[in-house]
Structures are given as C-alpha cells and as structure tokens.
Amino acid sequence: MLLKVLLEIEAKKEEGEHRLGEGRRLTLYAGHGGATLTVTRVEGLRLLEDGTVVARNDKGDRYFVSLTDLFAVAAEGGAGTTSASRKAGFLG
C-alpha cells in the first residue's frame, strides 16, 4: 500500500530512495504493541527488502520502521495544493 501512496504523490525514485517533490512532505503513523510513533516532515523513503522503511526527514534524521507497523500516511504540500494537509489515506 505504501508504494501506491508514493505513486499518488508522484515521488521520484533516485539512488534507491523515493524522494518527494519540492515543498511536499509526508507524515508517517506507526504503531506496535500499544506504542505509537509519528514521523513528521519526511522527504525521502527507502524500502528495504526485509520490510523495513527508512524515512528521512528534512533535517537528515533517519527513522527505521517496519512496514507492517505503518497504519497511515498524510501527504502535505505540493504543486496545486493549498496550505491545508491532504490526507493520502490509511494503509491496510
């Protein structure tokens, strides 16, 4: 499902990483064992073969999350959008 979201927001794959366009950012929502994690201002994603998602934010910080623990993604910004966030949808 994450690949469908990346396609919808027109992320470009460069050097093994899906990179978002100018002014566009993602927020990832993950949960596991009752704990939740929100990763904001993501501008690049790398999907590893073992099911790990490596999310890179605009500060260069990297977060490692299991793809199976992601339950939602929000897409912000991009050409032709307003300042309001555009929700890409829940992953299922």
PDB file of N, CA and C in Angstrom:
ATOM      1  N   MET A   1       0.815  -1.193   0.000  1.00  0.00           N
ATOM      2  CA  MET A   1       0.000   0.000   0.000  1.00  0.00           C
ATOM      3  C   MET A   1       0.863   1.263   0.000  1.00  0.00           C
ATOM      4  N   LEU A   2       2.002   1.241   0.670  1.00  0.00           N
ATOM      5  CA  LEU A   2       2.869   2.423   0.714  1.00  0.00           C
ATOM      6  C   LEU A   2       3.330   2.820  -0.685  1.00  0.00           C
ATOM      7  N   LEU A   3       3.597   1.841  -1.539  1.00  0.00           N
ATOM      8  CA  LEU A   3       4.012   2.157  -2.907  1.00  0.00           C
ATOM      9  C   LEU A   3       2.899   2.874  -3.669  1.00  0.00           C
ATOM     10  N   LYS A   4       1.642   2.540  -3.389  1.00  0.00           N
ATOM     11  CA  LYS A   4       0.521   3.232  -4.019  1.00  0.00           C
ATOM     12  C   LYS A   4       0.467   4.694  -3.574  1.00  0.00           C
ATOM     13  N   VAL A   5       0.748   4.937  -2.308  1.00  0.00           N
ATOM     14  CA  VAL A   5       0.787   6.314  -1.803  1.00  0.00           C
ATOM     15  C   VAL A   5       1.901   7.087  -2.494  1.00  0.00           C
ATOM     16  N   LEU A   6       3.084   6.493  -2.602  1.00  0.00           N
ATOM     17  CA  LEU A   6       4.210   7.160  -3.251  1.00  0.00           C
ATOM     18  C   LEU A   6       3.905   7.458  -4.718  1.00  0.00           C
ATOM     19  N   LEU A   7       3.200   6.555  -5.375  1.00  0.00           N
ATOM     20  CA  LEU A   7       2.792   6.788  -6.761  1.00  0.00           C
ATOM     21  C   LEU A   7       1.796   7.940  -6.838  1.00  0.00           C
ATOM     22  N   GLU A   8       0.842   7.960  -5.933  1.00  0.00           N
ATOM     23  CA  GLU A   8      -0.188   9.006  -5.905  1.00  0.00           C
ATOM     24  C   GLU A   8       0.422  10.398  -5.740  1.00  0.00           C
ATOM     25  N   ILE A   9       1.448  10.506  -4.913  1.00  0.00           N
ATOM     26  CA  ILE A   9       2.043  11.826  -4.667  1.00  0.00           C
ATOM     27  C   ILE A   9       3.219  12.110  -5.601  1.00  0.00           C
ATOM     28  N   GLU A  10       3.417  11.215  -6.577  1.00  0.00           N
ATOM     29  CA  GLU A  10       4.424  11.389  -7.621  1.00  0.00           C
ATOM     30  C   GLU A  10       5.850  11.484  -7.085  1.00  0.00           C
ATOM     31  N   ALA A  11       6.163  10.624  -6.098  1.00  0.00           N
ATOM     32  CA  ALA A  11       7.539  10.557  -5.587  1.00  0.00           C
ATOM     33  C   ALA A  11       8.431   9.967  -6.671  1.00  0.00           C
ATOM     34  N   LYS A  12       9.637  10.470  -6.780  1.00  0.00           N
ATOM     35  CA  LYS A  12      10.602  10.007  -7.784  1.00  0.00           C
ATOM     36  C   LYS A  12      11.652   9.130  -7.118  1.00  0.00           C
ATOM     37  N   LYS A  13      11.958   7.992  -7.734  1.00  0.00           N
ATOM     38  CA  LYS A  13      12.976   7.109  -7.180  1.00  0.00           C
ATOM     39  C   LYS A  13      14.337   7.511  -7.733  1.00  0.00           C
ATOM     40  N   GLU A  14      15.225   7.915  -6.824  1.00  0.00           N
ATOM     41  CA  GLU A  14      16.580   8.328  -7.166  1.00  0.00           C
ATOM     42  C   GLU A  14      17.546   7.684  -6.191  1.00  0.00           C
ATOM     43  N   GLU A  15      18.535   6.992  -6.715  1.00  0.00           N
ATOM     44  CA  GLU A  15      19.565   6.349  -5.898  1.00  0.00           C
ATOM     45  C   GLU A  15      18.955   5.437  -4.836  1.00  0.00           C
ATOM     46  N   GLY A  16      17.901   4.695  -5.194  1.00  0.00           N
ATOM     47  CA  GLY A  16      17.276   3.741  -4.287  1.00  0.00           C
ATOM     48  C   GLY A  16      16.313   4.342  -3.283  1.00  0.00           C
ATOM     49  N   GLU A  17      16.112   5.654  -3.328  1.00  0.00           N
ATOM     50  CA  GLU A  17      15.225   6.326  -2.380  1.00  0.00           C
ATOM     51  C   GLU A  17      14.082   7.003  -3.139  1.00  0.00           C
ATOM     52  N   HIS A  18      12.884   6.896  -2.589  1.00  0.00           N
ATOM     53  CA  HIS A  18      11.738   7.616  -3.137  1.00  0.00           C
ATOM     54  C   HIS A  18      11.778   9.024  -2.555  1.00  0.00           C
ATOM     55  N   ARG A  19      11.961  10.021  -3.434  1.00  0.00           N
ATOM     56  CA  ARG A  19      12.080  11.409  -2.980  1.00  0.00           C
ATOM     57  C   ARG A  19      10.848  12.193  -3.378  1.00  0.00           C
ATOM     58  N   LEU A  20      10.373  12.998  -2.426  1.00  0.00           N
ATOM     59  CA  LEU A  20       9.184  13.796  -2.676  1.00  0.00           C
ATOM     60  C   LEU A  20       9.553  15.067  -3.417  1.00  0.00           C
ATOM     61  N   GLY A  21       8.584  15.627  -4.112  1.00  0.00           N
ATOM     62  CA  GLY A  21       8.803  16.850  -4.864  1.00  0.00           C
ATOM     63  C   GLY A  21       8.985  18.059  -3.968  1.00  0.00           C
ATOM     64  N   GLU A  22       9.358  19.150  -4.582  1.00  0.00           N
ATOM     65  CA  GLU A  22       9.596  20.417  -3.887  1.00  0.00           C
ATOM     66  C   GLU A  22       8.372  20.819  -3.059  1.00  0.00           C
ATOM     67  N   GLY A  23       8.598  21.112  -1.785  1.00  0.00           N
ATOM     68  CA  GLY A  23       7.532  21.578  -0.903  1.00  0.00           C
ATOM     69  C   GLY A  23       6.604  20.502  -0.401  1.00  0.00           C
ATOM     70  N   ARG A  24       6.829  19.261  -0.762  1.00  0.00           N
ATOM     71  CA  ARG A  24       5.952  18.165  -0.341  1.00  0.00           C
ATOM     72  C   ARG A  24       6.622  17.375   0.783  1.00  0.00           C
ATOM     73  N   ARG A  25       5.838  17.002   1.786  1.00  0.00           N
ATOM     74  CA  ARG A  25       6.339  16.212   2.913  1.00  0.00           C
ATOM     75  C   ARG A  25       5.301  15.169   3.298  1.00  0.00           C
ATOM     76  N   LEU A  26       5.771  14.098   3.931  1.00  0.00           N
ATOM     77  CA  LEU A  26       4.890  13.059   4.458  1.00  0.00           C
ATOM     78  C   LEU A  26       4.971  13.024   5.973  1.00  0.00           C
ATOM     79  N   THR A  27       3.897  12.582   6.578  1.00  0.00           N
ATOM     80  CA  THR A  27       3.889  12.215   7.988  1.00  0.00           C
ATOM     81  C   THR A  27       3.512  10.742   8.036  1.00  0.00           C
ATOM     82  N   LEU A  28       4.329   9.937   8.707  1.00  0.00           N
ATOM     83  CA  LEU A  28       4.070   8.512   8.850  1.00  0.00           C
ATOM     84  C   LEU A  28       3.548   8.232  10.245  1.00  0.00           C
ATOM     85  N   TYR A  29       2.564   7.349  10.333  1.00  0.00           N
ATOM     86  CA  TYR A  29       1.984   6.943  11.608  1.00  0.00           C
ATOM     87  C   TYR A  29       2.196   5.443  11.762  1.00  0.00           C
ATOM     88  N   ALA A  30       2.903   5.058  12.825  1.00  0.00           N
ATOM     89  CA  ALA A  30       3.203   3.649  13.069  1.00  0.00           C
ATOM     90  C   ALA A  30       2.774   3.281  14.482  1.00  0.00           C
ATOM     91  N   GLY A  31       2.465   2.020  14.674  1.00  0.00           N
ATOM     92  CA  GLY A  31       2.104   1.528  15.995  1.00  0.00           C
ATOM     93  C   GLY A  31       2.518   0.079  16.139  1.00  0.00           C
ATOM     94  N   HIS A  32       2.912  -0.268  17.365  1.00  0.00           N
ATOM     95  CA  HIS A  32       3.308  -1.649  17.643  1.00  0.00           C
ATOM     96  C   HIS A  32       3.187  -1.904  19.143  1.00  0.00           C
ATOM     97  N   GLY A  33       2.498  -2.948  19.510  1.00  0.00           N
ATOM     98  CA  GLY A  33       2.385  -3.331  20.915  1.00  0.00           C
ATOM     99  C   GLY A  33       1.821  -2.241  21.803  1.00  0.00           C
ATOM    100  N   GLY A  34       0.925  -1.429  21.289  1.00  0.00           N
ATOM    101  CA  GLY A  34       0.313  -0.359  22.063  1.00  0.00           C
ATOM    102  C   GLY A  34       1.072   0.962  22.036  1.00  0.00           C
ATOM    103  N   ALA A  35       2.290   0.950  21.515  1.00  0.00           N
ATOM    104  CA  ALA A  35       3.069   2.193  21.404  1.00  0.00           C
ATOM    105  C   ALA A  35       2.893   2.763  19.996  1.00  0.00           C
ATOM    106  N   THR A  36       2.890   4.091  19.893  1.00  0.00           N
ATOM    107  CA  THR A  36       2.758   4.736  18.585  1.00  0.00           C
ATOM    108  C   THR A  36       3.959   5.640  18.316  1.00  0.00           C
ATOM    109  N   LEU A  37       4.192   5.869  17.037  1.00  0.00           N
ATOM    110  CA  LEU A  37       5.280   6.745  16.604  1.00  0.00           C
ATOM    111  C   LEU A  37       4.765   7.559  15.433  1.00  0.00           C
ATOM    112  N   THR A  38       4.975   8.867  15.481  1.00  0.00           N
ATOM    113  CA  THR A  38       4.643   9.753  14.380  1.00  0.00           C
ATOM    114  C   THR A  38       5.946  10.332  13.853  1.00  0.00           C
ATOM    115  N   VAL A  39       6.197  10.124  12.569  1.00  0.00           N
ATOM    116  CA  VAL A  39       7.412  10.644  11.933  1.00  0.00           C
ATOM    117  C   VAL A  39       6.974  11.748  10.982  1.00  0.00           C
ATOM    118  N   THR A  40       7.396  12.979  11.272  1.00  0.00           N
ATOM    119  CA  THR A  40       6.942  14.133  10.502  1.00  0.00           C
ATOM    120  C   THR A  40       8.016  14.647   9.556  1.00  0.00           C
ATOM    121  N   ARG A  41       7.581  15.436   8.592  1.00  0.00           N
ATOM    122  CA  ARG A  41       8.428  16.168   7.653  1.00  0.00           C
ATOM    123  C   ARG A  41       9.350  15.248   6.858  1.00  0.00           C
ATOM    124  N   VAL A  42       8.815  14.073   6.485  1.00  0.00           N
ATOM    125  CA  VAL A  42       9.583  13.099   5.713  1.00  0.00           C
ATOM    126  C   VAL A  42       9.684  13.579   4.272  1.00  0.00           C
ATOM    127  N   GLU A  43      10.911  13.598   3.744  1.00  0.00           N
ATOM    128  CA  GLU A  43      11.094  13.989   2.351  1.00  0.00           C
ATOM    129  C   GLU A  43      11.690  12.873   1.501  1.00  0.00           C
ATOM    130  N   GLY A  44      12.081  11.761   2.129  1.00  0.00           N
ATOM    131  CA  GLY A  44      12.616  10.625   1.389  1.00  0.00           C
ATOM    132  C   GLY A  44      12.334   9.318   2.107  1.00  0.00           C
ATOM    133  N   LEU A  45      12.020   8.269   1.317  1.00  0.00           N
ATOM    134  CA  LEU A  45      11.752   6.942   1.866  1.00  0.00           C
ATOM    135  C   LEU A  45      12.542   5.897   1.095  1.00  0.00           C
ATOM    136  N   ARG A  46      13.060   4.949   1.825  1.00  0.00           N
ATOM    137  CA  ARG A  46      13.746   3.811   1.220  1.00  0.00           C
ATOM    138  C   ARG A  46      13.068   2.557   1.769  1.00  0.00           C
ATOM    139  N   LEU A  47      12.692   1.645   0.881  1.00  0.00           N
ATOM    140  CA  LEU A  47      12.053   0.391   1.285  1.00  0.00           C
ATOM    141  C   LEU A  47      13.082  -0.726   1.171  1.00  0.00           C
ATOM    142  N   LEU A  48      13.446  -1.320   2.298  1.00  0.00           N
ATOM    143  CA  LEU A  48      14.433  -2.387   2.299  1.00  0.00           C
ATOM    144  C   LEU A  48      13.754  -3.729   2.040  1.00  0.00           C
ATOM    145  N   GLU A  49      14.521  -4.694   1.545  1.00  0.00           N
ATOM    146  CA  GLU A  49      13.977  -5.997   1.189  1.00  0.00           C
ATOM    147  C   GLU A  49      13.354  -6.736   2.364  1.00  0.00           C
ATOM    148  N   ASP A  50      13.810  -6.472   3.577  1.00  0.00           N
ATOM    149  CA  ASP A  50      13.286  -7.182   4.743  1.00  0.00           C
ATOM    150  C   ASP A  50      12.005  -6.564   5.295  1.00  0.00           C
ATOM    151  N   GLY A  51      11.448  -5.551   4.613  1.00  0.00           N
ATOM    152  CA  GLY A  51      10.210  -4.922   5.072  1.00  0.00           C
ATOM    153  C   GLY A  51      10.425  -3.715   5.962  1.00  0.00           C
ATOM    154  N   THR A  52      11.650  -3.237   6.055  1.00  0.00           N
ATOM    155  CA  THR A  52      11.951  -2.046   6.832  1.00  0.00           C
ATOM    156  C   THR A  52      11.793  -0.808   5.958  1.00  0.00           C
ATOM    157  N   VAL A  53      11.155   0.214   6.506  1.00  0.00           N
ATOM    158  CA  VAL A  53      11.029   1.506   5.838  1.00  0.00           C
ATOM    159  C   VAL A  53      12.014   2.447   6.511  1.00  0.00           C
ATOM    160  N   VAL A  54      12.889   3.059   5.712  1.00  0.00           N
ATOM    161  CA  VAL A  54      13.829   4.060   6.216  1.00  0.00           C
ATOM    162  C   VAL A  54      13.290   5.415   5.774  1.00  0.00           C
ATOM    163  N   ALA A  55      12.847   6.210   6.736  1.00  0.00           N
ATOM    164  CA  ALA A  55      12.282   7.533   6.453  1.00  0.00           C
ATOM    165  C   ALA A  55      13.310   8.595   6.810  1.00  0.00           C
ATOM    166  N   ARG A  56      13.547   9.527   5.864  1.00  0.00           N
ATOM    167  CA  ARG A  56      14.499  10.619   6.089  1.00  0.00           C
ATOM    168  C   ARG A  56      13.725  11.925   6.116  1.00  0.00           C
ATOM    169  N   ASN A  57      13.903  12.689   7.204  1.00  0.00           N
ATOM    170  CA  ASN A  57      13.199  13.969   7.288  1.00  0.00           C
ATOM    171  C   ASN A  57      14.050  15.088   6.702  1.00  0.00           C
ATOM    172  N   ASP A  58      13.505  16.296   6.731  1.00  0.00           N
ATOM    173  CA  ASP A  58      14.189  17.430   6.108  1.00  0.00           C
ATOM    174  C   ASP A  58      15.416  17.904   6.881  1.00  0.00           C
ATOM    175  N   LYS A  59      15.664  17.350   8.062  1.00  0.00           N
ATOM    176  CA  LYS A  59      16.877  17.661   8.821  1.00  0.00           C
ATOM    177  C   LYS A  59      17.961  16.612   8.597  1.00  0.00           C
ATOM    178  N   GLY A  60      17.618  15.549   7.842  1.00  0.00           N
ATOM    179  CA  GLY A  60      18.568  14.470   7.605  1.00  0.00           C
ATOM    180  C   GLY A  60      18.477  13.346   8.617  1.00  0.00           C
ATOM    181  N   ASP A  61      17.588  13.464   9.607  1.00  0.00           N
ATOM    182  CA  ASP A  61      17.387  12.379  10.565  1.00  0.00           C
ATOM    183  C   ASP A  61      16.763  11.196   9.841  1.00  0.00           C
ATOM    184  N   ARG A  62      17.126   9.974  10.244  1.00  0.00           N
ATOM    185  CA  ARG A  62      16.557   8.776   9.640  1.00  0.00           C
ATOM    186  C   ARG A  62      15.839   7.956  10.703  1.00  0.00           C
ATOM    187  N   TYR A  63      14.681   7.439  10.317  1.00  0.00           N
ATOM    188  CA  TYR A  63      13.853   6.606  11.188  1.00  0.00           C
ATOM    189  C   TYR A  63      13.672   5.259  10.509  1.00  0.00           C
ATOM    190  N   PHE A  64      13.758   4.182  11.266  1.00  0.00           N
ATOM    191  CA  PHE A  64      13.631   2.827  10.745  1.00  0.00           C
ATOM    192  C   PHE A  64      12.372   2.216  11.357  1.00  0.00           C
ATOM    193  N   VAL A  65      11.424   1.872  10.493  1.00  0.00           N
ATOM    194  CA  VAL A  65      10.119   1.385  10.937  1.00  0.00           C
ATOM    195  C   VAL A  65       9.753   0.164  10.101  1.00  0.00           C
ATOM    196  N   SER A  66       9.130  -0.824  10.725  1.00  0.00           N
ATOM    197  CA  SER A  66       8.646  -1.978   9.987  1.00  0.00           C
ATOM    198  C   SER A  66       7.440  -1.576   9.148  1.00  0.00           C
ATOM    199  N   LEU A  67       7.424  -1.989   7.901  1.00  0.00           N
ATOM    200  CA  LEU A  67       6.311  -1.680   7.008  1.00  0.00           C
ATOM    201  C   LEU A  67       4.994  -2.187   7.580  1.00  0.00           C
ATOM    202  N   THR A  68       5.028  -3.321   8.276  1.00  0.00           N
ATOM    203  CA  THR A  68       3.806  -3.881   8.849  1.00  0.00           C
ATOM    204  C   THR A  68       3.262  -3.044  10.004  1.00  0.00           C
ATOM    205  N   ASP A  69       4.079  -2.174  10.582  1.00  0.00           N
ATOM    206  CA  ASP A  69       3.637  -1.322  11.689  1.00  0.00           C
ATOM    207  C   ASP A  69       3.054   0.011  11.223  1.00  0.00           C
ATOM    208  N   LEU A  70       3.211   0.356   9.943  1.00  0.00           N
ATOM    209  CA  LEU A  70       2.639   1.599   9.420  1.00  0.00           C
ATOM    210  C   LEU A  70       1.145   1.423   9.231  1.00  0.00           C
ATOM    211  N   PHE A  71       0.362   2.387   9.741  1.00  0.00           N
ATOM    212  CA  PHE A  71      -1.078   2.275   9.556  1.00  0.00           C
ATOM    213  C   PHE A  71      -1.689   3.469   8.848  1.00  0.00           C
ATOM    214  N   ALA A  72      -0.958   4.570   8.686  1.00  0.00           N
ATOM    215  CA  ALA A  72      -1.491   5.729   7.960  1.00  0.00           C
ATOM    216  C   ALA A  72      -0.357   6.624   7.496  1.00  0.00           C
ATOM    217  N   VAL A  73      -0.660   7.396   6.442  1.00  0.00           N
ATOM    218  CA  VAL A  73       0.287   8.362   5.892  1.00  0.00           C
ATOM    219  C   VAL A  73      -0.491   9.619   5.545  1.00  0.00           C
ATOM    220  N   ALA A  74       0.072  10.775   5.866  1.00  0.00           N
ATOM    221  CA  ALA A  74      -0.510  12.056   5.451  1.00  0.00           C
ATOM    222  C   ALA A  74       0.477  12.730   4.523  1.00  0.00           C
ATOM    223  N   ALA A  75      -0.030  13.284   3.412  1.00  0.00           N
ATOM    224  CA  ALA A  75       0.811  13.992   2.446  1.00  0.00           C
ATOM    225  C   ALA A  75       0.485  15.475   2.512  1.00  0.00           C
ATOM    226  N   GLU A  76       1.530  16.296   2.673  1.00  0.00           N
ATOM    227  CA  GLU A  76       1.353  17.739   2.759  1.00  0.00           C
ATOM    228  C   GLU A  76       2.069  18.416   1.608  1.00  0.00           C
ATOM    229  N   GLY A  77       1.484  19.522   1.145  1.00  0.00           N
ATOM    230  CA  GLY A  77       2.138  20.366   0.152  1.00  0.00           C
ATOM    231  C   GLY A  77       2.095  19.817  -1.247  1.00  0.00           C
ATOM    232  N   GLY A  78       2.881  20.442  -2.115  1.00  0.00           N
ATOM    233  CA  GLY A  78       2.963  20.030  -3.498  1.00  0.00           C
ATOM    234  C   GLY A  78       2.309  21.028  -4.421  1.00  0.00           C
ATOM    235  N   ALA A  79       2.573  20.879  -5.685  1.00  0.00           N
ATOM    236  CA  ALA A  79       2.030  21.788  -6.698  1.00  0.00           C
ATOM    237  C   ALA A  79       0.517  21.699  -6.733  1.00  0.00           C
ATOM    238  N   GLY A  80      -0.119  22.855  -6.786  1.00  0.00           N
ATOM    239  CA  GLY A  80      -1.560  22.906  -6.923  1.00  0.00           C
ATOM    240  C   GLY A  80      -2.351  22.635  -5.669  1.00  0.00           C
ATOM    241  N   THR A  81      -1.686  22.580  -4.524  1.00  0.00           N
ATOM    242  CA  THR A  81      -2.415  22.354  -3.282  1.00  0.00           C
ATOM    243  C   THR A  81      -2.405  23.619  -2.458  1.00  0.00           C
ATOM    244  N   THR A  82      -3.322  23.662  -1.517  1.00  0.00           N
ATOM    245  CA  THR A  82      -3.379  24.791  -0.603  1.00  0.00           C
ATOM    246  C   THR A  82      -2.547  24.474   0.616  1.00  0.00           C
ATOM    247  N   SER A  83      -2.565  25.352   1.598  1.00  0.00           N
ATOM    248  CA  SER A  83      -1.779  25.114   2.807  1.00  0.00           C
ATOM    249  C   SER A  83      -2.377  24.007   3.672  1.00  0.00           C
ATOM    250  N   ALA A  84      -3.618  23.623   3.414  1.00  0.00           N
ATOM    251  CA  ALA A  84      -4.245  22.548   4.184  1.00  0.00           C
ATOM    252  C   ALA A  84      -3.600  21.214   3.807  1.00  0.00           C
ATOM    253  N   SER A  85      -3.491  20.313   4.775  1.00  0.00           N
ATOM    254  CA  SER A  85      -2.913  18.998   4.521  1.00  0.00           C
ATOM    255  C   SER A  85      -3.862  18.158   3.691  1.00  0.00           C
ATOM    256  N   ARG A  86      -3.298  17.353   2.821  1.00  0.00           N
ATOM    257  CA  ARG A  86      -4.071  16.427   2.011  1.00  0.00           C
ATOM    258  C   ARG A  86      -3.762  15.037   2.513  1.00  0.00           C
ATOM    259  N   LYS A  87      -4.741  14.362   3.034  1.00  0.00           N
ATOM    260  CA  LYS A  87      -4.536  13.036   3.598  1.00  0.00           C
ATOM    261  C   LYS A  87      -4.482  11.996   2.484  1.00  0.00           C
ATOM    262  N   ALA A  88      -3.391  11.241   2.445  1.00  0.00           N
ATOM    263  CA  ALA A  88      -3.224  10.228   1.407  1.00  0.00           C
ATOM    264  C   ALA A  88      -3.998   8.974   1.748  1.00  0.00           C
ATOM    265  N   GLY A  89      -4.270   8.726   3.020  1.00  0.00           N
ATOM    266  CA  GLY A  89      -5.103   7.578   3.373  1.00  0.00           C
ATOM    267  C   GLY A  89      -4.466   6.650   4.369  1.00  0.00           C
ATOM    268  N   PHE A  90      -5.304   5.750   4.841  1.00  0.00           N
ATOM    269  CA  PHE A  90      -4.866   4.735   5.783  1.00  0.00           C
ATOM    270  C   PHE A  90      -4.313   3.553   5.016  1.00  0.00           C
ATOM    271  N   LEU A  91      -3.287   2.961   5.549  1.00  0.00           N
ATOM    272  CA  LEU A  91      -2.715   1.772   4.942  1.00  0.00           C
ATOM    273  C   LEU A  91      -3.452   0.572   5.506  1.00  0.00           C
ATOM    274  N   GLY A  92      -3.636  -0.418   4.683  1.00  0.00           N
ATOM    275  CA  GLY A  92      -4.376  -1.583   5.172  1.00  0.00           C
ATOM    276  C   GLY A  92      -3.831  -2.886   4.746  1.00  0.00           C
TER     277      GLY A  92
END
